[in-house]
Amino acid sequence: MTKILMILTSHDRLGDTGEKTGFWLEEFAAPYYVFKDAGAEITLASPQGGQPPLDPKSDAEDFQTDATRRFKDDKDAQEQLAATERLDEIYPTQYDAVFYPGGHGPMWDLAENADSRRIIEAFVNNDRPLGAVCHAPAIFRHTETEAGAPLVEGRKVTGFTNGEEEGVGLTDVVPFLLEDMLKEKGGDYRKGEDWGPFVVTDGKLVTGQNPASSEGAAKELLKLLDA
């Protein structure tokens, strides 16, 4: 059975705004069911373990999809999410692929987390499938190749655009702009229309631009496992 690791944020504070953040529901639910329906064994993890914080905005009716509604009726999935494993207890060799859902939370914790970096480098430097969607490509902020170069240098990547960040009014709240960071690290940054589905695959690295790209990114990751 294919084993897929999904890593979520543990961060719930939206900068200094006093508002809550966390993971974006669609970006978790859509890939989760793509993997589950393909027969994969899914492990959920986060820096602190336990229940990851949900961005309350992603729970609004306007952002519900078939996948999020399915999750809300899925007691087993809810219980699994409430008991994520701690990242410092994760051994990358036990999994066939790893996928990072977004939400603004990863901009603060997963972008800086040493265990996340260890896992990412173990996957990418050994040419094993890794996916990240929306804000989750923030995880590449400090990751490096075995030669010490930025992990995304020269690789096609995407992620939440500067225009999309401006659209949600958080340009001056986030610790850095994802599009700018990926370019600064030498990534061959690509983007589609704001809010439209857009997925980029470079070797075994899959990135999606925004929530609408979640299902597509997960399907591309599965293709790499079947290749």
C-alpha atoms as a PDB file:
ATOM      1  CA  MET A   1       0.000   0.000   0.000  1.00  0.00           C
ATOM      2  CA  THR A   2       1.253   3.474  -0.895  1.00  0.00           C
ATOM      3  CA  LYS A   3       2.064   5.521   2.204  1.00  0.00           C
ATOM      4  CA  ILE A   4       1.592   9.287   1.992  1.00  0.00           C
ATOM      5  CA  LEU A   5       2.562  11.769   4.697  1.00  0.00           C
ATOM      6  CA  MET A   6       0.555  15.001   4.944  1.00  0.00           C
ATOM      7  CA  ILE A   7       2.117  17.792   7.015  1.00  0.00           C
ATOM      8  CA  LEU A   8       0.005  20.621   8.422  1.00  0.00           C
ATOM      9  CA  THR A   9       0.756  23.812  10.307  1.00  0.00           C
ATOM     10  CA  SER A  10       0.482  24.249  14.085  1.00  0.00           C
ATOM     11  CA  HIS A  11       0.483  28.071  13.872  1.00  0.00           C
ATOM     12  CA  ASP A  12      -2.787  29.900  14.624  1.00  0.00           C
ATOM     13  CA  ARG A  13      -1.904  33.626  14.893  1.00  0.00           C
ATOM     14  CA  LEU A  14      -2.241  35.888  11.848  1.00  0.00           C
ATOM     15  CA  GLY A  15       0.725  38.139  12.595  1.00  0.00           C
ATOM     16  CA  ASP A  16      -0.182  41.023  14.898  1.00  0.00           C
ATOM     17  CA  THR A  17      -3.774  41.340  13.673  1.00  0.00           C
ATOM     18  CA  GLY A  18      -5.324  39.496  16.604  1.00  0.00           C
ATOM     19  CA  GLU A  19      -7.043  37.219  14.079  1.00  0.00           C
ATOM     20  CA  LYS A  20      -6.712  33.466  13.814  1.00  0.00           C
ATOM     21  CA  THR A  21      -5.115  31.515  10.978  1.00  0.00           C
ATOM     22  CA  GLY A  22      -3.995  27.926  10.417  1.00  0.00           C
ATOM     23  CA  PHE A  23      -4.483  25.470   7.557  1.00  0.00           C
ATOM     24  CA  TRP A  24      -7.000  26.040   4.758  1.00  0.00           C
ATOM     25  CA  LEU A  25      -9.726  23.413   4.865  1.00  0.00           C
ATOM     26  CA  GLU A  26     -10.033  22.752   1.113  1.00  0.00           C
ATOM     27  CA  GLU A  27      -6.267  22.395   0.787  1.00  0.00           C
ATOM     28  CA  PHE A  28      -6.358  19.573   3.311  1.00  0.00           C
ATOM     29  CA  ALA A  29      -9.656  17.912   2.417  1.00  0.00           C
ATOM     30  CA  ALA A  30      -9.303  17.782  -1.371  1.00  0.00           C
ATOM     31  CA  PRO A  31      -5.864  16.079  -1.378  1.00  0.00           C
ATOM     32  CA  TYR A  32      -6.824  13.850   1.565  1.00  0.00           C
ATOM     33  CA  TYR A  33      -9.669  12.297  -0.403  1.00  0.00           C
ATOM     34  CA  VAL A  34      -7.685  12.101  -3.641  1.00  0.00           C
ATOM     35  CA  PHE A  35      -5.149   9.995  -1.740  1.00  0.00           C
ATOM     36  CA  LYS A  36      -7.721   8.025   0.264  1.00  0.00           C
ATOM     37  CA  ASP A  37      -9.804   7.171  -2.795  1.00  0.00           C
ATOM     38  CA  ALA A  38      -6.642   5.930  -4.522  1.00  0.00           C
ATOM     39  CA  GLY A  39      -6.170   3.450  -1.680  1.00  0.00           C
ATOM     40  CA  ALA A  40      -3.223   5.180  -0.014  1.00  0.00           C
ATOM     41  CA  GLU A  41      -2.439   4.915   3.682  1.00  0.00           C
ATOM     42  CA  ILE A  42      -2.321   8.498   4.983  1.00  0.00           C
ATOM     43  CA  THR A  43      -0.341   9.731   7.986  1.00  0.00           C
ATOM     44  CA  LEU A  44      -1.002  13.259   9.288  1.00  0.00           C
ATOM     45  CA  ALA A  45       1.673  15.235  11.111  1.00  0.00           C
ATOM     46  CA  SER A  46       2.316  18.755  12.396  1.00  0.00           C
ATOM     47  CA  PRO A  47       5.090  20.493  14.351  1.00  0.00           C
ATOM     48  CA  GLN A  48       3.274  20.266  17.685  1.00  0.00           C
ATOM     49  CA  GLY A  49       1.168  17.171  17.014  1.00  0.00           C
ATOM     50  CA  GLY A  50      -2.491  16.876  17.958  1.00  0.00           C
ATOM     51  CA  GLN A  51      -5.222  19.049  16.401  1.00  0.00           C
ATOM     52  CA  PRO A  52      -3.877  21.561  13.868  1.00  0.00           C
ATOM     53  CA  PRO A  53      -5.600  24.959  13.860  1.00  0.00           C
ATOM     54  CA  LEU A  54      -8.142  25.533  11.108  1.00  0.00           C
ATOM     55  CA  ASP A  55      -8.217  28.958   9.473  1.00  0.00           C
ATOM     56  CA  PRO A  56     -11.762  30.031  10.407  1.00  0.00           C
ATOM     57  CA  LYS A  57     -12.168  31.869   7.100  1.00  0.00           C
ATOM     58  CA  SER A  58     -11.807  28.580   5.238  1.00  0.00           C
ATOM     59  CA  ASP A  59     -14.780  27.212   7.181  1.00  0.00           C
ATOM     60  CA  ALA A  60     -17.109  29.884   5.749  1.00  0.00           C
ATOM     61  CA  GLU A  61     -19.943  28.668   3.528  1.00  0.00           C
ATOM     62  CA  ASP A  62     -18.520  30.429   0.455  1.00  0.00           C
ATOM     63  CA  PHE A  63     -15.415  28.217   0.560  1.00  0.00           C
ATOM     64  CA  GLN A  64     -17.095  24.829   0.972  1.00  0.00           C
ATOM     65  CA  THR A  65     -16.551  22.165  -1.682  1.00  0.00           C
ATOM     66  CA  ASP A  66     -17.578  18.551  -2.126  1.00  0.00           C
ATOM     67  CA  ALA A  67     -14.373  17.530  -0.333  1.00  0.00           C
ATOM     68  CA  THR A  68     -14.891  19.837   2.656  1.00  0.00           C
ATOM     69  CA  ARG A  69     -18.502  18.701   3.025  1.00  0.00           C
ATOM     70  CA  ARG A  70     -17.375  15.089   2.856  1.00  0.00           C
ATOM     71  CA  PHE A  71     -14.820  15.784   5.605  1.00  0.00           C
ATOM     72  CA  LYS A  72     -17.479  17.286   7.858  1.00  0.00           C
ATOM     73  CA  ASP A  73     -19.437  14.031   7.594  1.00  0.00           C
ATOM     74  CA  ASP A  74     -16.355  11.841   8.076  1.00  0.00           C
ATOM     75  CA  LYS A  75     -15.841  11.101  11.763  1.00  0.00           C
ATOM     76  CA  ASP A  76     -12.811   8.892  11.115  1.00  0.00           C
ATOM     77  CA  ALA A  77     -11.018  11.651   9.195  1.00  0.00           C
ATOM     78  CA  GLN A  78     -11.874  14.190  11.896  1.00  0.00           C
ATOM     79  CA  GLU A  79     -10.444  11.925  14.576  1.00  0.00           C
ATOM     80  CA  GLN A  80      -7.295  11.367  12.533  1.00  0.00           C
ATOM     81  CA  LEU A  81      -6.849  15.116  12.071  1.00  0.00           C
ATOM     82  CA  ALA A  82      -7.297  15.699  15.813  1.00  0.00           C
ATOM     83  CA  ALA A  83      -4.384  13.363  16.550  1.00  0.00           C
ATOM     84  CA  THR A  84      -1.618  14.344  14.133  1.00  0.00           C
ATOM     85  CA  GLU A  85       1.819  12.959  14.872  1.00  0.00           C
ATOM     86  CA  ARG A  86       4.678  15.239  15.874  1.00  0.00           C
ATOM     87  CA  LEU A  87       7.115  16.129  13.109  1.00  0.00           C
ATOM     88  CA  ASP A  88      10.115  15.319  15.287  1.00  0.00           C
ATOM     89  CA  GLU A  89       8.883  11.711  15.440  1.00  0.00           C
ATOM     90  CA  ILE A  90       8.555  11.291  11.670  1.00  0.00           C
ATOM     91  CA  TYR A  91      11.019   9.167   9.684  1.00  0.00           C
ATOM     92  CA  PRO A  92      10.879  10.100   5.975  1.00  0.00           C
ATOM     93  CA  THR A  93      12.005   6.663   4.795  1.00  0.00           C
ATOM     94  CA  GLN A  94       8.695   5.212   5.988  1.00  0.00           C
ATOM     95  CA  TYR A  95       6.708   7.118   3.341  1.00  0.00           C
ATOM     96  CA  ASP A  96       6.439   7.094  -0.437  1.00  0.00           C
ATOM     97  CA  ALA A  97       5.439  10.758  -0.803  1.00  0.00           C
ATOM     98  CA  VAL A  98       4.773  13.875   1.254  1.00  0.00           C
ATOM     99  CA  PHE A  99       2.180  16.613   0.712  1.00  0.00           C
ATOM    100  CA  TYR A 100       1.863  19.993   2.427  1.00  0.00           C
ATOM    101  CA  PRO A 101      -1.540  21.756   2.524  1.00  0.00           C
ATOM    102  CA  GLY A 102      -1.427  25.524   2.818  1.00  0.00           C
ATOM    103  CA  GLY A 103      -3.242  28.245   4.654  1.00  0.00           C
ATOM    104  CA  HIS A 104      -1.298  31.197   6.051  1.00  0.00           C
ATOM    105  CA  GLY A 105      -0.039  29.230   9.073  1.00  0.00           C
ATOM    106  CA  PRO A 106       2.910  27.576   7.250  1.00  0.00           C
ATOM    107  CA  MET A 107       4.359  31.030   6.499  1.00  0.00           C
ATOM    108  CA  TRP A 108       5.247  31.288  10.193  1.00  0.00           C
ATOM    109  CA  ASP A 109       6.032  27.785  11.421  1.00  0.00           C
ATOM    110  CA  LEU A 110       6.717  25.308   8.621  1.00  0.00           C
ATOM    111  CA  ALA A 111       8.853  27.848   6.752  1.00  0.00           C
ATOM    112  CA  GLU A 112      11.220  27.885   9.734  1.00  0.00           C
ATOM    113  CA  ASN A 113      10.827  24.371  11.169  1.00  0.00           C
ATOM    114  CA  ALA A 114      13.989  22.240  11.282  1.00  0.00           C
ATOM    115  CA  ASP A 115      12.106  18.929  11.250  1.00  0.00           C
ATOM    116  CA  SER A 116      10.126  19.988   8.210  1.00  0.00           C
ATOM    117  CA  ARG A 117      13.354  20.968   6.487  1.00  0.00           C
ATOM    118  CA  ARG A 118      14.870  17.573   7.353  1.00  0.00           C
ATOM    119  CA  ILE A 119      11.911  15.765   5.823  1.00  0.00           C
ATOM    120  CA  ILE A 120      11.781  17.922   2.679  1.00  0.00           C
ATOM    121  CA  GLU A 121      15.486  17.545   1.993  1.00  0.00           C
ATOM    122  CA  ALA A 122      15.265  13.785   2.517  1.00  0.00           C
ATOM    123  CA  PHE A 123      12.530  13.560  -0.109  1.00  0.00           C
ATOM    124  CA  VAL A 124      13.745  16.032  -2.719  1.00  0.00           C
ATOM    125  CA  ASN A 125      17.457  15.193  -2.524  1.00  0.00           C
ATOM    126  CA  ASN A 126      16.579  11.510  -3.000  1.00  0.00           C
ATOM    127  CA  ASP A 127      14.218  12.253  -5.931  1.00  0.00           C
ATOM    128  CA  ARG A 128      11.058  11.196  -4.130  1.00  0.00           C
ATOM    129  CA  PRO A 129       7.647  12.864  -4.686  1.00  0.00           C
ATOM    130  CA  LEU A 130       6.794  15.993  -2.711  1.00  0.00           C
ATOM    131  CA  GLY A 131       3.805  18.310  -3.145  1.00  0.00           C
ATOM    132  CA  ALA A 132       2.893  21.684  -1.659  1.00  0.00           C
ATOM    133  CA  VAL A 133      -0.049  23.962  -2.398  1.00  0.00           C
ATOM    134  CA  CYS A 134      -0.914  27.661  -1.989  1.00  0.00           C
ATOM    135  CA  HIS A 135       1.141  29.081   0.942  1.00  0.00           C
ATOM    136  CA  ALA A 136       2.776  25.742   1.698  1.00  0.00           C
ATOM    137  CA  PRO A 137       5.705  26.342  -0.718  1.00  0.00           C
ATOM    138  CA  ALA A 138       6.889  28.636   2.094  1.00  0.00           C
ATOM    139  CA  ILE A 139       8.506  25.386   3.308  1.00  0.00           C
ATOM    140  CA  PHE A 140      11.288  25.964   0.760  1.00  0.00           C
ATOM    141  CA  ARG A 141      12.527  29.153   2.442  1.00  0.00           C
ATOM    142  CA  HIS A 142      15.573  27.495   4.035  1.00  0.00           C
ATOM    143  CA  THR A 143      15.767  24.102   2.335  1.00  0.00           C
ATOM    144  CA  GLU A 144      18.933  23.229   0.427  1.00  0.00           C
ATOM    145  CA  THR A 145      20.325  20.653  -1.953  1.00  0.00           C
ATOM    146  CA  GLU A 146      23.141  18.379  -0.838  1.00  0.00           C
ATOM    147  CA  ALA A 147      25.507  20.883  -2.482  1.00  0.00           C
ATOM    148  CA  GLY A 148      24.149  23.728  -0.331  1.00  0.00           C
ATOM    149  CA  ALA A 149      22.150  25.534  -3.030  1.00  0.00           C
ATOM    150  CA  PRO A 150      18.524  26.604  -2.480  1.00  0.00           C
ATOM    151  CA  LEU A 151      16.334  23.582  -3.128  1.00  0.00           C
ATOM    152  CA  VAL A 152      14.114  25.393  -5.645  1.00  0.00           C
ATOM    153  CA  GLU A 153      16.975  26.986  -7.556  1.00  0.00           C
ATOM    154  CA  GLY A 154      16.416  26.443 -11.279  1.00  0.00           C
ATOM    155  CA  ARG A 155      13.223  24.444 -10.693  1.00  0.00           C
ATOM    156  CA  LYS A 156       9.733  25.279 -11.926  1.00  0.00           C
ATOM    157  CA  VAL A 157       7.548  26.195  -8.943  1.00  0.00           C
ATOM    158  CA  THR A 158       4.370  28.072  -8.140  1.00  0.00           C
ATOM    159  CA  GLY A 159       2.570  29.278  -5.024  1.00  0.00           C
ATOM    160  CA  PHE A 160       0.220  32.001  -3.786  1.00  0.00           C
ATOM    161  CA  THR A 161       0.861  35.079  -5.927  1.00  0.00           C
ATOM    162  CA  ASN A 162       1.573  38.615  -4.781  1.00  0.00           C
ATOM    163  CA  GLY A 163      -1.697  39.605  -6.464  1.00  0.00           C
ATOM    164  CA  GLU A 164      -3.639  37.010  -4.519  1.00  0.00           C
ATOM    165  CA  GLU A 165      -2.011  38.136  -1.258  1.00  0.00           C
ATOM    166  CA  GLU A 166      -2.988  41.714  -2.061  1.00  0.00           C
ATOM    167  CA  GLY A 167      -6.490  40.487  -2.853  1.00  0.00           C
ATOM    168  CA  VAL A 168      -6.933  39.109   0.671  1.00  0.00           C
ATOM    169  CA  GLY A 169      -5.402  42.243   2.197  1.00  0.00           C
ATOM    170  CA  LEU A 170      -2.444  40.554   3.889  1.00  0.00           C
ATOM    171  CA  THR A 171       0.544  41.873   1.962  1.00  0.00           C
ATOM    172  CA  ASP A 172       1.751  43.808   5.017  1.00  0.00           C
ATOM    173  CA  VAL A 173       0.829  41.071   7.521  1.00  0.00           C
ATOM    174  CA  VAL A 174       2.647  37.986   6.239  1.00  0.00           C
ATOM    175  CA  PRO A 175       6.326  37.610   7.260  1.00  0.00           C
ATOM    176  CA  PHE A 176       7.348  37.523   3.571  1.00  0.00           C
ATOM    177  CA  LEU A 177       5.691  37.372   0.165  1.00  0.00           C
ATOM    178  CA  LEU A 178       5.781  33.827  -1.154  1.00  0.00           C
ATOM    179  CA  GLU A 179       6.158  34.734  -4.825  1.00  0.00           C
ATOM    180  CA  ASP A 180       9.093  37.035  -4.030  1.00  0.00           C
ATOM    181  CA  MET A 181      10.797  34.439  -1.822  1.00  0.00           C
ATOM    182  CA  LEU A 182      10.594  31.683  -4.433  1.00  0.00           C
ATOM    183  CA  LYS A 183      12.101  34.032  -7.027  1.00  0.00           C
ATOM    184  CA  GLU A 184      14.828  35.175  -4.615  1.00  0.00           C
ATOM    185  CA  LYS A 185      15.784  31.523  -4.049  1.00  0.00           C
ATOM    186  CA  GLY A 186      16.301  31.109  -7.777  1.00  0.00           C
ATOM    187  CA  GLY A 187      13.057  29.290  -8.472  1.00  0.00           C
ATOM    188  CA  ASP A 188      11.602  29.426 -11.989  1.00  0.00           C
ATOM    189  CA  TYR A 189       8.358  30.851 -10.647  1.00  0.00           C
ATOM    190  CA  ARG A 190       5.255  30.308 -12.761  1.00  0.00           C
ATOM    191  CA  LYS A 191       1.692  31.469 -12.178  1.00  0.00           C
ATOM    192  CA  GLY A 192      -1.727  31.326 -13.761  1.00  0.00           C
ATOM    193  CA  GLU A 193      -4.706  33.609 -13.324  1.00  0.00           C
ATOM    194  CA  ASP A 194      -5.337  34.709  -9.740  1.00  0.00           C
ATOM    195  CA  TRP A 195      -7.632  32.207  -7.961  1.00  0.00           C
ATOM    196  CA  GLY A 196      -7.700  29.790 -10.899  1.00  0.00           C
ATOM    197  CA  PRO A 197      -6.293  26.250 -10.716  1.00  0.00           C
ATOM    198  CA  PHE A 198      -2.610  26.130 -11.671  1.00  0.00           C
ATOM    199  CA  VAL A 199      -0.208  23.276 -10.945  1.00  0.00           C
ATOM    200  CA  VAL A 200       3.473  22.919 -11.857  1.00  0.00           C
ATOM    201  CA  THR A 201       5.476  19.695 -11.866  1.00  0.00           C
ATOM    202  CA  ASP A 202       9.271  19.669 -12.043  1.00  0.00           C
ATOM    203  CA  GLY A 203      10.675  16.174 -11.739  1.00  0.00           C
ATOM    204  CA  LYS A 204       9.229  14.797  -8.497  1.00  0.00           C
ATOM    205  CA  LEU A 205       8.337  18.267  -7.159  1.00  0.00           C
ATOM    206  CA  VAL A 206       4.681  19.366  -7.458  1.00  0.00           C
ATOM    207  CA  THR A 207       3.405  22.813  -6.456  1.00  0.00           C
ATOM    208  CA  GLY A 208      -0.061  24.368  -6.690  1.00  0.00           C
ATOM    209  CA  GLN A 209      -0.831  28.081  -6.727  1.00  0.00           C
ATOM    210  CA  ASN A 210      -3.936  28.423  -4.543  1.00  0.00           C
ATOM    211  CA  PRO A 211      -6.865  26.543  -2.951  1.00  0.00           C
ATOM    212  CA  ALA A 212      -8.378  25.777  -6.364  1.00  0.00           C
ATOM    213  CA  SER A 213      -5.140  23.940  -7.223  1.00  0.00           C
ATOM    214  CA  SER A 214      -5.315  21.528  -4.266  1.00  0.00           C
ATOM    215  CA  GLU A 215      -7.028  18.594  -5.970  1.00  0.00           C
ATOM    216  CA  GLY A 216      -4.959  18.962  -9.138  1.00  0.00           C
ATOM    217  CA  ALA A 217      -1.685  19.030  -7.212  1.00  0.00           C
ATOM    218  CA  ALA A 218      -2.640  15.882  -5.306  1.00  0.00           C
ATOM    219  CA  LYS A 219      -3.528  14.088  -8.555  1.00  0.00           C
ATOM    220  CA  GLU A 220      -0.168  15.074 -10.076  1.00  0.00           C
ATOM    221  CA  LEU A 221       1.598  13.687  -7.009  1.00  0.00           C
ATOM    222  CA  LEU A 222      -0.247  10.388  -7.441  1.00  0.00           C
ATOM    223  CA  LYS A 223       0.868  10.233 -11.086  1.00  0.00           C
ATOM    224  CA  LEU A 224       4.485  10.408  -9.927  1.00  0.00           C
ATOM    225  CA  LEU A 225       3.875   7.468  -7.603  1.00  0.00           C
ATOM    226  CA  ASP A 226       2.401   5.458 -10.461  1.00  0.00           C
ATOM    227  CA  ALA A 227       5.232   6.305 -12.852  1.00  0.00           C
END
